[in-house]
Amino acid sequence: APRAYRKFGSWGAKEYSAQPAAQAPKYRALLNFMRDNPCWW
């Protein structure tokens, strides 16, 4: 989930919950992958 980038890692899909998607490439990738690849199993 969104979390700040710090010495412990840059794990967040966004850096904070309200961050615009345009500033969060990982988050955009997650959303677009889900859009183009609905669950397949």
PDB file of all heavy atoms in Angstrom:
ATOM      1  N   ALA A   1       0.848  -1.194   0.000  1.00  0.00           N
ATOM      2  CA  ALA A   1       0.000   0.000   0.000  1.00  0.00           C
ATOM      3  C   ALA A   1       0.886   1.247   0.000  1.00  0.00           C
ATOM      4  O   ALA A   1       2.092   1.161   0.248  1.00  0.00           O
ATOM      5  CB  ALA A   1      -0.902  -0.006   1.230  1.00  0.00           C
ATOM      6  N   PRO A   2       0.324   2.412  -0.275  1.00  0.00           N
ATOM      7  CA  PRO A   2       1.143   3.631  -0.309  1.00  0.00           C
ATOM      8  C   PRO A   2       1.987   3.804   0.948  1.00  0.00           C
ATOM      9  O   PRO A   2       1.487   3.663   2.066  1.00  0.00           O
ATOM     10  CB  PRO A   2       0.098   4.744  -0.429  1.00  0.00           C
ATOM     11  CG  PRO A   2      -1.041   4.092  -1.154  1.00  0.00           C
ATOM     12  CD  PRO A   2      -1.086   2.698  -0.619  1.00  0.00           C
ATOM     13  N   ARG A   3       3.259   4.078   0.748  1.00  0.00           N
ATOM     14  CA  ARG A   3       4.153   4.362   1.878  1.00  0.00           C
ATOM     15  C   ARG A   3       5.342   5.175   1.367  1.00  0.00           C
ATOM     16  O   ARG A   3       5.718   5.096   0.196  1.00  0.00           O
ATOM     17  CB  ARG A   3       4.622   3.100   2.592  1.00  0.00           C
ATOM     18  CG  ARG A   3       5.518   2.186   1.807  1.00  0.00           C
ATOM     19  CD  ARG A   3       6.162   1.158   2.740  1.00  0.00           C
ATOM     20  NE  ARG A   3       5.248   0.131   3.196  1.00  0.00           N
ATOM     21  CZ  ARG A   3       5.462  -0.633   4.272  1.00  0.00           C
ATOM     22  NH1 ARG A   3       6.546  -0.470   4.997  1.00  0.00           N
ATOM     23  NH2 ARG A   3       4.605  -1.566   4.625  1.00  0.00           N
ATOM     24  N   ALA A   4       5.917   5.962   2.245  1.00  0.00           N
ATOM     25  CA  ALA A   4       7.017   6.855   1.873  1.00  0.00           C
ATOM     26  C   ALA A   4       8.262   6.046   1.539  1.00  0.00           C
ATOM     27  O   ALA A   4       8.485   4.961   2.071  1.00  0.00           O
ATOM     28  CB  ALA A   4       7.306   7.829   3.013  1.00  0.00           C
ATOM     29  N   TYR A   5       9.082   6.601   0.644  1.00  0.00           N
ATOM     30  CA  TYR A   5      10.355   5.989   0.304  1.00  0.00           C
ATOM     31  C   TYR A   5      11.389   6.404   1.352  1.00  0.00           C
ATOM     32  O   TYR A   5      11.682   7.587   1.523  1.00  0.00           O
ATOM     33  CB  TYR A   5      10.810   6.426  -1.082  1.00  0.00           C
ATOM     34  CG  TYR A   5       9.895   5.977  -2.212  1.00  0.00           C
ATOM     35  CD1 TYR A   5      10.046   6.500  -3.493  1.00  0.00           C
ATOM     36  CD2 TYR A   5       8.888   5.038  -2.001  1.00  0.00           C
ATOM     37  CE1 TYR A   5       9.218   6.090  -4.529  1.00  0.00           C
ATOM     38  CE2 TYR A   5       8.053   4.634  -3.021  1.00  0.00           C
ATOM     39  CZ  TYR A   5       8.227   5.165  -4.293  1.00  0.00           C
ATOM     40  OH  TYR A   5       7.409   4.755  -5.315  1.00  0.00           O
ATOM     41  N   ARG A   6      11.937   5.403   2.027  1.00  0.00           N
ATOM     42  CA  ARG A   6      12.886   5.653   3.103  1.00  0.00           C
ATOM     43  C   ARG A   6      13.967   4.583   3.086  1.00  0.00           C
ATOM     44  O   ARG A   6      13.963   3.698   2.233  1.00  0.00           O
ATOM     45  CB  ARG A   6      12.167   5.688   4.452  1.00  0.00           C
ATOM     46  CG  ARG A   6      11.243   6.903   4.578  1.00  0.00           C
ATOM     47  CD  ARG A   6      10.485   6.915   5.887  1.00  0.00           C
ATOM     48  NE  ARG A   6       9.689   8.127   6.012  1.00  0.00           N
ATOM     49  CZ  ARG A   6       8.481   8.198   6.552  1.00  0.00           C
ATOM     50  NH1 ARG A   6       7.917   7.111   7.036  1.00  0.00           N
ATOM     51  NH2 ARG A   6       7.835   9.348   6.629  1.00  0.00           N
ATOM     52  N   LYS A   7      14.869   4.641   4.052  1.00  0.00           N
ATOM     53  CA  LYS A   7      15.992   3.704   4.092  1.00  0.00           C
ATOM     54  C   LYS A   7      15.518   2.252   4.171  1.00  0.00           C
ATOM     55  O   LYS A   7      16.258   1.333   3.781  1.00  0.00           O
ATOM     56  CB  LYS A   7      16.897   4.023   5.279  1.00  0.00           C
ATOM     57  CG  LYS A   7      16.229   3.827   6.634  1.00  0.00           C
ATOM     58  CD  LYS A   7      17.178   4.161   7.777  1.00  0.00           C
ATOM     59  CE  LYS A   7      16.508   3.956   9.133  1.00  0.00           C
ATOM     60  NZ  LYS A   7      17.421   4.280  10.257  1.00  0.00           N
ATOM     61  N   PHE A   8      14.306   2.046   4.663  1.00  0.00           N
ATOM     62  CA  PHE A   8      13.771   0.692   4.786  1.00  0.00           C
ATOM     63  C   PHE A   8      13.255   0.146   3.461  1.00  0.00           C
ATOM     64  O   PHE A   8      12.875  -1.015   3.378  1.00  0.00           O
ATOM     65  CB  PHE A   8      12.642   0.668   5.816  1.00  0.00           C
ATOM     66  CG  PHE A   8      13.032   1.231   7.148  1.00  0.00           C
ATOM     67  CD1 PHE A   8      12.529   2.455   7.579  1.00  0.00           C
ATOM     68  CD2 PHE A   8      13.926   0.562   7.963  1.00  0.00           C
ATOM     69  CE1 PHE A   8      12.895   2.985   8.812  1.00  0.00           C
ATOM     70  CE2 PHE A   8      14.298   1.090   9.202  1.00  0.00           C
ATOM     71  CZ  PHE A   8      13.790   2.304   9.619  1.00  0.00           C
ATOM     72  N   GLY A   9      13.221   0.985   2.433  1.00  0.00           N
ATOM     73  CA  GLY A   9      12.771   0.533   1.127  1.00  0.00           C
ATOM     74  C   GLY A   9      11.780   1.483   0.487  1.00  0.00           C
ATOM     75  O   GLY A   9      11.222   2.368   1.145  1.00  0.00           O
ATOM     76  N   SER A  10      11.574   1.274  -0.794  1.00  0.00           N
ATOM     77  CA  SER A  10      10.623   2.083  -1.567  1.00  0.00           C
ATOM     78  C   SER A  10       9.482   1.177  -2.004  1.00  0.00           C
ATOM     79  O   SER A  10       9.211   0.999  -3.190  1.00  0.00           O
ATOM     80  CB  SER A  10      11.327   2.701  -2.784  1.00  0.00           C
ATOM     81  OG  SER A  10      12.455   3.446  -2.399  1.00  0.00           O
ATOM     82  N   TRP A  11       8.805   0.604  -1.029  1.00  0.00           N
ATOM     83  CA  TRP A  11       7.861  -0.472  -1.300  1.00  0.00           C
ATOM     84  C   TRP A  11       6.513   0.000  -1.823  1.00  0.00           C
ATOM     85  O   TRP A  11       5.820  -0.760  -2.509  1.00  0.00           O
ATOM     86  CB  TRP A  11       7.645  -1.286  -0.020  1.00  0.00           C
ATOM     87  CG  TRP A  11       8.913  -1.771   0.615  1.00  0.00           C
ATOM     88  CD1 TRP A  11       9.454  -1.371   1.796  1.00  0.00           C
ATOM     89  CD2 TRP A  11       9.818  -2.745   0.088  1.00  0.00           C
ATOM     90  NE1 TRP A  11      10.627  -2.032   2.056  1.00  0.00           N
ATOM     91  CE2 TRP A  11      10.879  -2.883   1.016  1.00  0.00           C
ATOM     92  CE3 TRP A  11       9.848  -3.510  -1.078  1.00  0.00           C
ATOM     93  CZ2 TRP A  11      11.949  -3.758   0.828  1.00  0.00           C
ATOM     94  CZ3 TRP A  11      10.911  -4.386  -1.276  1.00  0.00           C
ATOM     95  CH2 TRP A  11      11.944  -4.501  -0.342  1.00  0.00           C
ATOM     96  N   GLY A  12       6.101   1.193  -1.509  1.00  0.00           N
ATOM     97  CA  GLY A  12       4.746   1.627  -1.831  1.00  0.00           C
ATOM     98  C   GLY A  12       4.466   1.707  -3.317  1.00  0.00           C
ATOM     99  O   GLY A  12       5.299   2.162  -4.103  1.00  0.00           O
ATOM    100  N   ALA A  13       3.263   1.266  -3.711  1.00  0.00           N
ATOM    101  CA  ALA A  13       2.816   1.478  -5.092  1.00  0.00           C
ATOM    102  C   ALA A  13       2.722   2.974  -5.373  1.00  0.00           C
ATOM    103  O   ALA A  13       2.930   3.419  -6.510  1.00  0.00           O
ATOM    104  CB  ALA A  13       1.457   0.825  -5.308  1.00  0.00           C
ATOM    105  N   LYS A  14       2.404   3.732  -4.342  1.00  0.00           N
ATOM    106  CA  LYS A  14       2.437   5.190  -4.357  1.00  0.00           C
ATOM    107  C   LYS A  14       3.200   5.623  -3.119  1.00  0.00           C
ATOM    108  O   LYS A  14       3.407   4.828  -2.207  1.00  0.00           O
ATOM    109  CB  LYS A  14       1.002   5.765  -4.324  1.00  0.00           C
ATOM    110  CG  LYS A  14       0.099   5.268  -5.434  1.00  0.00           C
ATOM    111  CD  LYS A  14      -1.361   5.612  -5.164  1.00  0.00           C
ATOM    112  CE  LYS A  14      -1.677   7.041  -5.458  1.00  0.00           C
ATOM    113  NZ  LYS A  14      -3.133   7.329  -5.351  1.00  0.00           N
ATOM    114  N   GLU A  15       3.589   6.890  -3.077  1.00  0.00           N
ATOM    115  CA  GLU A  15       4.316   7.378  -1.904  1.00  0.00           C
ATOM    116  C   GLU A  15       3.378   7.866  -0.808  1.00  0.00           C
ATOM    117  O   GLU A  15       3.791   7.997   0.351  1.00  0.00           O
ATOM    118  CB  GLU A  15       5.292   8.474  -2.321  1.00  0.00           C
ATOM    119  CG  GLU A  15       6.394   7.955  -3.233  1.00  0.00           C
ATOM    120  CD  GLU A  15       7.388   9.022  -3.631  1.00  0.00           C
ATOM    121  OE1 GLU A  15       8.057   9.580  -2.730  1.00  0.00           O
ATOM    122  OE2 GLU A  15       7.488   9.325  -4.842  1.00  0.00           O
ATOM    123  N   TYR A  16       2.157   8.130  -1.153  1.00  0.00           N
ATOM    124  CA  TYR A  16       1.110   8.469  -0.186  1.00  0.00           C
ATOM    125  C   TYR A  16      -0.224   8.261  -0.878  1.00  0.00           C
ATOM    126  O   TYR A  16      -0.303   8.259  -2.119  1.00  0.00           O
ATOM    127  CB  TYR A  16       1.260   9.894   0.352  1.00  0.00           C
ATOM    128  CG  TYR A  16       1.336  10.985  -0.707  1.00  0.00           C
ATOM    129  CD1 TYR A  16       0.199  11.691  -1.088  1.00  0.00           C
ATOM    130  CD2 TYR A  16       2.546  11.313  -1.310  1.00  0.00           C
ATOM    131  CE1 TYR A  16       0.261  12.691  -2.046  1.00  0.00           C
ATOM    132  CE2 TYR A  16       2.620  12.304  -2.278  1.00  0.00           C
ATOM    133  CZ  TYR A  16       1.479  12.990  -2.635  1.00  0.00           C
ATOM    134  OH  TYR A  16       1.541  13.987  -3.599  1.00  0.00           O
ATOM    135  N   SER A  17      -1.267   8.063  -0.116  1.00  0.00           N
ATOM    136  CA  SER A  17      -2.544   7.629  -0.695  1.00  0.00           C
ATOM    137  C   SER A  17      -3.116   8.610  -1.698  1.00  0.00           C
ATOM    138  O   SER A  17      -3.726   8.212  -2.693  1.00  0.00           O
ATOM    139  CB  SER A  17      -3.567   7.369   0.422  1.00  0.00           C
ATOM    140  OG  SER A  17      -3.269   6.178   1.113  1.00  0.00           O
ATOM    141  N   ALA A  18      -2.946   9.906  -1.445  1.00  0.00           N
ATOM    142  CA  ALA A  18      -3.535  10.915  -2.327  1.00  0.00           C
ATOM    143  C   ALA A  18      -2.625  11.277  -3.496  1.00  0.00           C
ATOM    144  O   ALA A  18      -2.972  12.161  -4.286  1.00  0.00           O
ATOM    145  CB  ALA A  18      -3.872  12.176  -1.528  1.00  0.00           C
ATOM    146  N   GLN A  19      -1.490  10.631  -3.637  1.00  0.00           N
ATOM    147  CA  GLN A  19      -0.571  10.976  -4.726  1.00  0.00           C
ATOM    148  C   GLN A  19      -1.241  10.754  -6.080  1.00  0.00           C
ATOM    149  O   GLN A  19      -1.814   9.695  -6.328  1.00  0.00           O
ATOM    150  CB  GLN A  19       0.703  10.143  -4.645  1.00  0.00           C
ATOM    151  CG  GLN A  19       1.757  10.543  -5.668  1.00  0.00           C
ATOM    152  CD  GLN A  19       3.030   9.707  -5.564  1.00  0.00           C
ATOM    153  OE1 GLN A  19       2.983   8.543  -5.170  1.00  0.00           O
ATOM    154  NE2 GLN A  19       4.162  10.304  -5.901  1.00  0.00           N
ATOM    155  N   PRO A  20      -1.162  11.731  -6.992  1.00  0.00           N
ATOM    156  CA  PRO A  20      -1.746  11.552  -8.325  1.00  0.00           C
ATOM    157  C   PRO A  20      -1.095  10.376  -9.052  1.00  0.00           C
ATOM    158  O   PRO A  20       0.113  10.152  -8.943  1.00  0.00           O
ATOM    159  CB  PRO A  20      -1.441  12.871  -9.025  1.00  0.00           C
ATOM    160  CG  PRO A  20      -1.222  13.857  -7.917  1.00  0.00           C
ATOM    161  CD  PRO A  20      -0.596  13.074  -6.803  1.00  0.00           C
ATOM    162  N   ALA A  21      -1.899   9.635  -9.785  1.00  0.00           N
ATOM    163  CA  ALA A  21      -1.381   8.474 -10.510  1.00  0.00           C
ATOM    164  C   ALA A  21      -0.283   8.868 -11.492  1.00  0.00           C
ATOM    165  O   ALA A  21       0.636   8.078 -11.747  1.00  0.00           O
ATOM    166  CB  ALA A  21      -2.521   7.777 -11.245  1.00  0.00           C
ATOM    167  N   ALA A  22      -0.356  10.079 -12.028  1.00  0.00           N
ATOM    168  CA  ALA A  22       0.652  10.533 -12.983  1.00  0.00           C
ATOM    169  C   ALA A  22       2.047  10.571 -12.374  1.00  0.00           C
ATOM    170  O   ALA A  22       3.047  10.510 -13.092  1.00  0.00           O
ATOM    171  CB  ALA A  22       0.282  11.912 -13.519  1.00  0.00           C
ATOM    172  N   GLN A  23       2.128  10.674 -11.044  1.00  0.00           N
ATOM    173  CA  GLN A  23       3.416  10.726 -10.358  1.00  0.00           C
ATOM    174  C   GLN A  23       3.860   9.359  -9.835  1.00  0.00           C
ATOM    175  O   GLN A  23       4.917   9.261  -9.191  1.00  0.00           O
ATOM    176  CB  GLN A  23       3.331  11.703  -9.185  1.00  0.00           C
ATOM    177  CG  GLN A  23       2.997  13.127  -9.565  1.00  0.00           C
ATOM    178  CD  GLN A  23       2.804  14.014  -8.344  1.00  0.00           C
ATOM    179  OE1 GLN A  23       3.098  13.619  -7.214  1.00  0.00           O
ATOM    180  NE2 GLN A  23       2.286  15.223  -8.564  1.00  0.00           N
ATOM    181  N   ALA A  24       3.089   8.321 -10.094  1.00  0.00           N
ATOM    182  CA  ALA A  24       3.342   7.002  -9.498  1.00  0.00           C
ATOM    183  C   ALA A  24       3.373   5.924 -10.584  1.00  0.00           C
ATOM    184  O   ALA A  24       2.355   5.282 -10.854  1.00  0.00           O
ATOM    185  CB  ALA A  24       2.275   6.687  -8.452  1.00  0.00           C
ATOM    186  N   PRO A  25       4.535   5.705 -11.219  1.00  0.00           N
ATOM    187  CA  PRO A  25       4.587   4.748 -12.335  1.00  0.00           C
ATOM    188  C   PRO A  25       4.236   3.319 -11.936  1.00  0.00           C
ATOM    189  O   PRO A  25       3.617   2.591 -12.726  1.00  0.00           O
ATOM    190  CB  PRO A  25       6.036   4.853 -12.827  1.00  0.00           C
ATOM    191  CG  PRO A  25       6.799   5.481 -11.714  1.00  0.00           C
ATOM    192  CD  PRO A  25       5.827   6.381 -11.019  1.00  0.00           C
ATOM    193  N   LYS A  26       4.583   2.902 -10.728  1.00  0.00           N
ATOM    194  CA  LYS A  26       4.236   1.537 -10.312  1.00  0.00           C
ATOM    195  C   LYS A  26       2.717   1.388 -10.188  1.00  0.00           C
ATOM    196  O   LYS A  26       2.144   0.378 -10.624  1.00  0.00           O
ATOM    197  CB  LYS A  26       4.919   1.211  -8.974  1.00  0.00           C
ATOM    198  CG  LYS A  26       6.425   1.065  -9.063  1.00  0.00           C
ATOM    199  CD  LYS A  26       7.048   0.661  -7.743  1.00  0.00           C
ATOM    200  CE  LYS A  26       6.957   1.746  -6.695  1.00  0.00           C
ATOM    201  NZ  LYS A  26       7.722   1.416  -5.468  1.00  0.00           N
ATOM    202  N   TYR A  27       2.101   2.380  -9.616  1.00  0.00           N
ATOM    203  CA  TYR A  27       0.646   2.330  -9.433  1.00  0.00           C
ATOM    204  C   TYR A  27      -0.068   2.299 -10.782  1.00  0.00           C
ATOM    205  O   TYR A  27      -1.005   1.514 -10.983  1.00  0.00           O
ATOM    206  CB  TYR A  27       0.213   3.540  -8.611  1.00  0.00           C
ATOM    207  CG  TYR A  27      -1.275   3.655  -8.367  1.00  0.00           C
ATOM    208  CD1 TYR A  27      -1.969   2.664  -7.693  1.00  0.00           C
ATOM    209  CD2 TYR A  27      -1.982   4.778  -8.805  1.00  0.00           C
ATOM    210  CE1 TYR A  27      -3.328   2.777  -7.454  1.00  0.00           C
ATOM    211  CE2 TYR A  27      -3.337   4.899  -8.569  1.00  0.00           C
ATOM    212  CZ  TYR A  27      -4.016   3.891  -7.899  1.00  0.00           C
ATOM    213  OH  TYR A  27      -5.361   4.012  -7.670  1.00  0.00           O
ATOM    214  N   ARG A  28       0.377   3.129 -11.716  1.00  0.00           N
ATOM    215  CA  ARG A  28      -0.239   3.123 -13.053  1.00  0.00           C
ATOM    216  C   ARG A  28      -0.084   1.763 -13.714  1.00  0.00           C
ATOM    217  O   ARG A  28      -1.009   1.261 -14.374  1.00  0.00           O
ATOM    218  CB  ARG A  28       0.377   4.203 -13.943  1.00  0.00           C
ATOM    219  CG  ARG A  28       0.060   5.622 -13.542  1.00  0.00           C
ATOM    220  CD  ARG A  28       0.265   6.601 -14.700  1.00  0.00           C
ATOM    221  NE  ARG A  28       1.524   6.395 -15.399  1.00  0.00           N
ATOM    222  CZ  ARG A  28       2.709   6.875 -15.017  1.00  0.00           C
ATOM    223  NH1 ARG A  28       2.768   7.593 -13.886  1.00  0.00           N
ATOM    224  NH2 ARG A  28       3.800   6.660 -15.712  1.00  0.00           N
ATOM    225  N   ALA A  29       1.075   1.160 -13.535  1.00  0.00           N
ATOM    226  CA  ALA A  29       1.300  -0.159 -14.136  1.00  0.00           C
ATOM    227  C   ALA A  29       0.358  -1.199 -13.530  1.00  0.00           C
ATOM    228  O   ALA A  29      -0.206  -2.034 -14.254  1.00  0.00           O
ATOM    229  CB  ALA A  29       2.750  -0.577 -13.934  1.00  0.00           C
ATOM    230  N   LEU A  30       0.173  -1.160 -12.221  1.00  0.00           N
ATOM    231  CA  LEU A  30      -0.738  -2.106 -11.569  1.00  0.00           C
ATOM    232  C   LEU A  30      -2.156  -1.944 -12.094  1.00  0.00           C
ATOM    233  O   LEU A  30      -2.834  -2.930 -12.428  1.00  0.00           O
ATOM    234  CB  LEU A  30      -0.711  -1.901 -10.057  1.00  0.00           C
ATOM    235  CG  LEU A  30       0.623  -2.166  -9.342  1.00  0.00           C
ATOM    236  CD1 LEU A  30       0.509  -1.788  -7.868  1.00  0.00           C
ATOM    237  CD2 LEU A  30       1.067  -3.600  -9.494  1.00  0.00           C
ATOM    238  N   LEU A  31      -2.623  -0.694 -12.176  1.00  0.00           N
ATOM    239  CA  LEU A  31      -3.985  -0.444 -12.651  1.00  0.00           C
ATOM    240  C   LEU A  31      -4.158  -0.889 -14.099  1.00  0.00           C
ATOM    241  O   LEU A  31      -5.151  -1.540 -14.453  1.00  0.00           O
ATOM    242  CB  LEU A  31      -4.322   1.043 -12.522  1.00  0.00           C
ATOM    243  CG  LEU A  31      -4.499   1.604 -11.110  1.00  0.00           C
ATOM    244  CD1 LEU A  31      -4.841   3.091 -11.180  1.00  0.00           C
ATOM    245  CD2 LEU A  31      -5.566   0.847 -10.336  1.00  0.00           C
ATOM    246  N   ASN A  32      -3.206  -0.545 -14.944  1.00  0.00           N
ATOM    247  CA  ASN A  32      -3.334  -0.883 -16.362  1.00  0.00           C
ATOM    248  C   ASN A  32      -3.191  -2.375 -16.600  1.00  0.00           C
ATOM    249  O   ASN A  32      -3.857  -2.935 -17.485  1.00  0.00           O
ATOM    250  CB  ASN A  32      -2.308  -0.102 -17.179  1.00  0.00           C
ATOM    251  CG  ASN A  32      -2.643   1.376 -17.257  1.00  0.00           C
ATOM    252  OD1 ASN A  32      -3.772   1.786 -16.971  1.00  0.00           O
ATOM    253  ND2 ASN A  32      -1.674   2.200 -17.626  1.00  0.00           N
ATOM    254  N   PHE A  33      -2.340  -3.033 -15.836  1.00  0.00           N
ATOM    255  CA  PHE A  33      -2.236  -4.483 -15.977  1.00  0.00           C
ATOM    256  C   PHE A  33      -3.555  -5.140 -15.593  1.00  0.00           C
ATOM    257  O   PHE A  33      -4.027  -6.055 -16.287  1.00  0.00           O
ATOM    258  CB  PHE A  33      -1.100  -5.030 -15.109  1.00  0.00           C
ATOM    259  CG  PHE A  33      -0.956  -6.525 -15.200  1.00  0.00           C
ATOM    260  CD1 PHE A  33      -0.270  -7.102 -16.256  1.00  0.00           C
ATOM    261  CD2 PHE A  33      -1.520  -7.358 -14.236  1.00  0.00           C
ATOM    262  CE1 PHE A  33      -0.147  -8.484 -16.355  1.00  0.00           C
ATOM    263  CE2 PHE A  33      -1.404  -8.736 -14.330  1.00  0.00           C
ATOM    264  CZ  PHE A  33      -0.706  -9.300 -15.389  1.00  0.00           C
ATOM    265  N   MET A  34      -4.174  -4.704 -14.503  1.00  0.00           N
ATOM    266  CA  MET A  34      -5.466  -5.276 -14.110  1.00  0.00           C
ATOM    267  C   MET A  34      -6.533  -5.010 -15.158  1.00  0.00           C
ATOM    268  O   MET A  34      -7.365  -5.868 -15.448  1.00  0.00           O
ATOM    269  CB  MET A  34      -5.891  -4.713 -12.747  1.00  0.00           C
ATOM    270  CG  MET A  34      -5.114  -5.266 -11.577  1.00  0.00           C
ATOM    271  SD  MET A  34      -5.799  -4.803  -9.966  1.00  0.00           S
ATOM    272  CE  MET A  34      -5.330  -3.074  -9.852  1.00  0.00           C
ATOM    273  N   ARG A  35      -6.499  -3.819 -15.741  1.00  0.00           N
ATOM    274  CA  ARG A  35      -7.476  -3.485 -16.787  1.00  0.00           C
ATOM    275  C   ARG A  35      -7.326  -4.404 -17.997  1.00  0.00           C
ATOM    276  O   ARG A  35      -8.329  -4.884 -18.552  1.00  0.00           O
ATOM    277  CB  ARG A  35      -7.275  -2.034 -17.211  1.00  0.00           C
ATOM    278  CG  ARG A  35      -8.215  -1.545 -18.319  1.00  0.00           C
ATOM    279  CD  ARG A  35      -7.665  -0.278 -18.944  1.00  0.00           C
ATOM    280  NE  ARG A  35      -6.378  -0.536 -19.612  1.00  0.00           N
ATOM    281  CZ  ARG A  35      -5.510   0.416 -19.926  1.00  0.00           C
ATOM    282  NH1 ARG A  35      -5.753   1.677 -19.613  1.00  0.00           N
ATOM    283  NH2 ARG A  35      -4.371   0.093 -20.532  1.00  0.00           N
ATOM    284  N   ASP A  36      -6.095  -4.657 -18.395  1.00  0.00           N
ATOM    285  CA  ASP A  36      -5.838  -5.433 -19.618  1.00  0.00           C
ATOM    286  C   ASP A  36      -5.758  -6.932 -19.364  1.00  0.00           C
ATOM    287  O   ASP A  36      -5.779  -7.716 -20.325  1.00  0.00           O
ATOM    288  CB  ASP A  36      -4.523  -4.969 -20.267  1.00  0.00           C
ATOM    289  CG  ASP A  36      -4.563  -3.511 -20.700  1.00  0.00           C
ATOM    290  OD1 ASP A  36      -5.679  -2.985 -20.914  1.00  0.00           O
ATOM    291  OD2 ASP A  36      -3.482  -2.894 -20.805  1.00  0.00           O
ATOM    292  N   ASN A  37      -5.655  -7.317 -18.095  1.00  0.00           N
ATOM    293  CA  ASN A  37      -5.488  -8.741 -17.768  1.00  0.00           C
ATOM    294  C   ASN A  37      -6.395  -9.132 -16.616  1.00  0.00           C
ATOM    295  O   ASN A  37      -5.937  -9.318 -15.480  1.00  0.00           O
ATOM    296  CB  ASN A  37      -4.033  -9.033 -17.392  1.00  0.00           C
ATOM    297  CG  ASN A  37      -3.053  -8.766 -18.506  1.00  0.00           C
ATOM    298  OD1 ASN A  37      -2.769  -9.650 -19.320  1.00  0.00           O
ATOM    299  ND2 ASN A  37      -2.532  -7.548 -18.576  1.00  0.00           N
ATOM    300  N   PRO A  38      -7.692  -9.244 -16.876  1.00  0.00           N
ATOM    301  CA  PRO A  38      -8.582  -9.716 -15.807  1.00  0.00           C
ATOM    302  C   PRO A  38      -8.154 -11.116 -15.370  1.00  0.00           C
ATOM    303  O   PRO A  38      -7.488 -11.841 -16.121  1.00  0.00           O
ATOM    304  CB  PRO A  38      -9.957  -9.718 -16.468  1.00  0.00           C
ATOM    305  CG  PRO A  38      -9.692  -9.740 -17.933  1.00  0.00           C
ATOM    306  CD  PRO A  38      -8.411  -9.020 -18.139  1.00  0.00           C
ATOM    307  N   CYS A  39      -8.509 -11.479 -14.163  1.00  0.00           N
ATOM    308  CA  CYS A  39      -8.001 -12.729 -13.587  1.00  0.00           C
ATOM    309  C   CYS A  39      -8.241 -13.909 -14.530  1.00  0.00           C
ATOM    310  O   CYS A  39      -9.276 -14.012 -15.162  1.00  0.00           O
ATOM    311  CB  CYS A  39      -8.611 -12.976 -12.215  1.00  0.00           C
ATOM    312  SG  CYS A  39     -10.403 -13.202 -12.208  1.00  0.00           S
ATOM    313  N   TRP A  40      -7.260 -14.766 -14.639  1.00  0.00           N
ATOM    314  CA  TRP A  40      -7.227 -15.811 -15.656  1.00  0.00           C
ATOM    315  C   TRP A  40      -7.248 -17.228 -15.101  1.00  0.00           C
ATOM    316  O   TRP A  40      -7.362 -18.192 -15.858  1.00  0.00           O
ATOM    317  CB  TRP A  40      -5.976 -15.635 -16.520  1.00  0.00           C
ATOM    318  CG  TRP A  40      -4.709 -15.623 -15.704  1.00  0.00           C
ATOM    319  CD1 TRP A  40      -4.002 -16.698 -15.236  1.00  0.00           C
ATOM    320  CD2 TRP A  40      -4.040 -14.469 -15.215  1.00  0.00           C
ATOM    321  NE1 TRP A  40      -2.919 -16.285 -14.493  1.00  0.00           N
ATOM    322  CE2 TRP A  40      -2.908 -14.914 -14.466  1.00  0.00           C
ATOM    323  CE3 TRP A  40      -4.245 -13.086 -15.330  1.00  0.00           C
ATOM    324  CZ2 TRP A  40      -2.016 -14.036 -13.836  1.00  0.00           C
ATOM    325  CZ3 TRP A  40      -3.359 -12.220 -14.706  1.00  0.00           C
ATOM    326  CH2 TRP A  40      -2.256 -12.690 -13.978  1.00  0.00           C
ATOM    327  N   TRP A  41      -7.113 -17.396 -13.787  1.00  0.00           N
ATOM    328  CA  TRP A  41      -7.003 -18.737 -13.245  1.00  0.00           C
ATOM    329  C   TRP A  41      -8.373 -19.309 -12.902  1.00  0.00           C
ATOM    330  O   TRP A  41      -9.359 -18.578 -12.749  1.00  0.00           O
ATOM    331  CB  TRP A  41      -6.100 -18.741 -12.013  1.00  0.00           C
ATOM    332  CG  TRP A  41      -6.506 -17.752 -10.959  1.00  0.00           C
ATOM    333  CD1 TRP A  41      -7.332 -17.968  -9.892  1.00  0.00           C
ATOM    334  CD2 TRP A  41      -6.116 -16.369 -10.883  1.00  0.00           C
ATOM    335  NE1 TRP A  41      -7.473 -16.824  -9.158  1.00  0.00           N
ATOM    336  CE2 TRP A  41      -6.733 -15.824  -9.741  1.00  0.00           C
ATOM    337  CE3 TRP A  41      -5.293 -15.549 -11.668  1.00  0.00           C
ATOM    338  CZ2 TRP A  41      -6.573 -14.491  -9.368  1.00  0.00           C
ATOM    339  CZ3 TRP A  41      -5.132 -14.221 -11.291  1.00  0.00           C
ATOM    340  CH2 TRP A  41      -5.754 -13.710 -10.155  1.00  0.00           C
TER     341      TRP A  41
END
